Amino acid sequence: MKVTFNTGRLYTPEGQIITALLMRGHIIFHDTSRGISGTIALPKLYTILTPAELERHVMSQYDIGAYTAC
């Protein structure tokens, strides 16, 4: 699953645009507004079923720095 969303945070006049790609066992994301990319690991039994769940999970981990920079 791949999503592109706008957090509404004012890092640019357009907001903060993030693209996230859910892969097996991890998520790859790119914050185009800030030029930050990273990988977020998922626990083995973690399930993301909807685009909204993917967005929430990416932001919860990104905000606390729980990702590996690419």
Protein backbone atom coordinates (compact mmCIF):
# COMPACT_ATOMS: atom_id res chain seq x y z
CA MET A 1 0.00 0.00 0.00
CA LYS A 2 1.28 3.46 -0.89
CA VAL A 3 -0.12 6.76 0.40
CA THR A 4 0.73 10.40 -0.09
CA PHE A 5 -0.72 12.79 2.45
CA ASN A 6 -0.45 16.33 3.75
CA THR A 7 -0.02 16.71 7.51
CA GLY A 8 -1.06 20.35 7.35
CA ARG A 9 2.07 21.40 9.21
CA LEU A 10 3.42 24.61 7.74
CA TYR A 11 6.95 23.59 6.72
CA THR A 12 6.17 24.94 3.22
CA PRO A 13 3.34 27.10 1.89
CA GLU A 14 1.71 23.85 0.66
CA GLY A 15 2.03 22.14 4.06
CA GLN A 16 4.03 18.98 4.77
CA ILE A 17 3.76 16.32 2.07
CA ILE A 18 4.74 12.75 2.98
CA THR A 19 4.69 9.60 0.86
CA ALA A 20 4.79 6.23 2.60
CA LEU A 21 5.09 2.74 1.15
CA LEU A 22 4.10 -0.25 3.28
CA MET A 23 6.32 -3.22 2.55
CA ARG A 24 6.67 -6.59 4.25
CA GLY A 25 7.93 -5.84 7.76
CA HIS A 26 8.67 -2.14 7.27
CA ILE A 27 7.55 1.20 5.89
CA ILE A 28 9.63 3.46 3.67
CA PHE A 29 8.69 7.13 3.84
CA HIS A 30 9.80 10.39 2.26
CA ASP A 31 8.96 13.82 3.60
CA THR A 32 9.25 15.85 0.39
CA SER A 33 8.70 19.13 2.24
CA ARG A 34 11.67 18.66 4.58
CA GLY A 35 13.82 16.35 2.46
CA ILE A 36 13.83 13.55 5.03
CA SER A 37 13.55 9.85 4.15
CA GLY A 38 13.58 6.83 6.37
CA THR A 39 12.51 3.31 7.20
CA ILE A 40 10.16 2.38 10.02
CA ALA A 41 10.31 -1.21 11.24
CA LEU A 42 7.08 -3.04 12.04
CA PRO A 43 6.68 -5.74 14.70
CA LYS A 44 5.97 -9.14 13.14
CA LEU A 45 2.33 -9.21 14.23
CA TYR A 46 1.54 -5.56 13.47
CA THR A 47 -1.28 -5.08 10.97
CA ILE A 48 -2.07 -1.95 8.97
CA LEU A 49 -5.26 -2.32 6.98
CA THR A 50 -6.18 1.17 5.77
CA PRO A 51 -4.41 4.23 4.37
CA ALA A 52 -5.48 6.21 7.47
CA GLU A 53 -3.81 3.62 9.74
CA LEU A 54 -0.63 3.86 7.68
CA GLU A 55 -0.62 7.66 7.94
CA ARG A 56 -1.18 7.57 11.72
CA HIS A 57 1.56 5.00 12.25
CA VAL A 58 4.08 6.88 10.09
CA MET A 59 3.43 10.15 11.90
CA SER A 60 3.52 8.59 15.38
CA GLN A 61 6.94 7.07 14.67
CA TYR A 62 8.31 10.02 12.69
CA ASP A 63 7.38 12.50 15.44
CA ILE A 64 9.38 10.57 18.05
CA GLY A 65 12.30 9.82 15.75
CA ALA A 66 11.65 6.06 15.67
CA TYR A 67 12.99 5.50 12.17
CA THR A 68 16.25 4.79 10.40
CA ALA A 69 17.30 7.60 8.06
CA CYS A 70 17.97 6.74 4.41
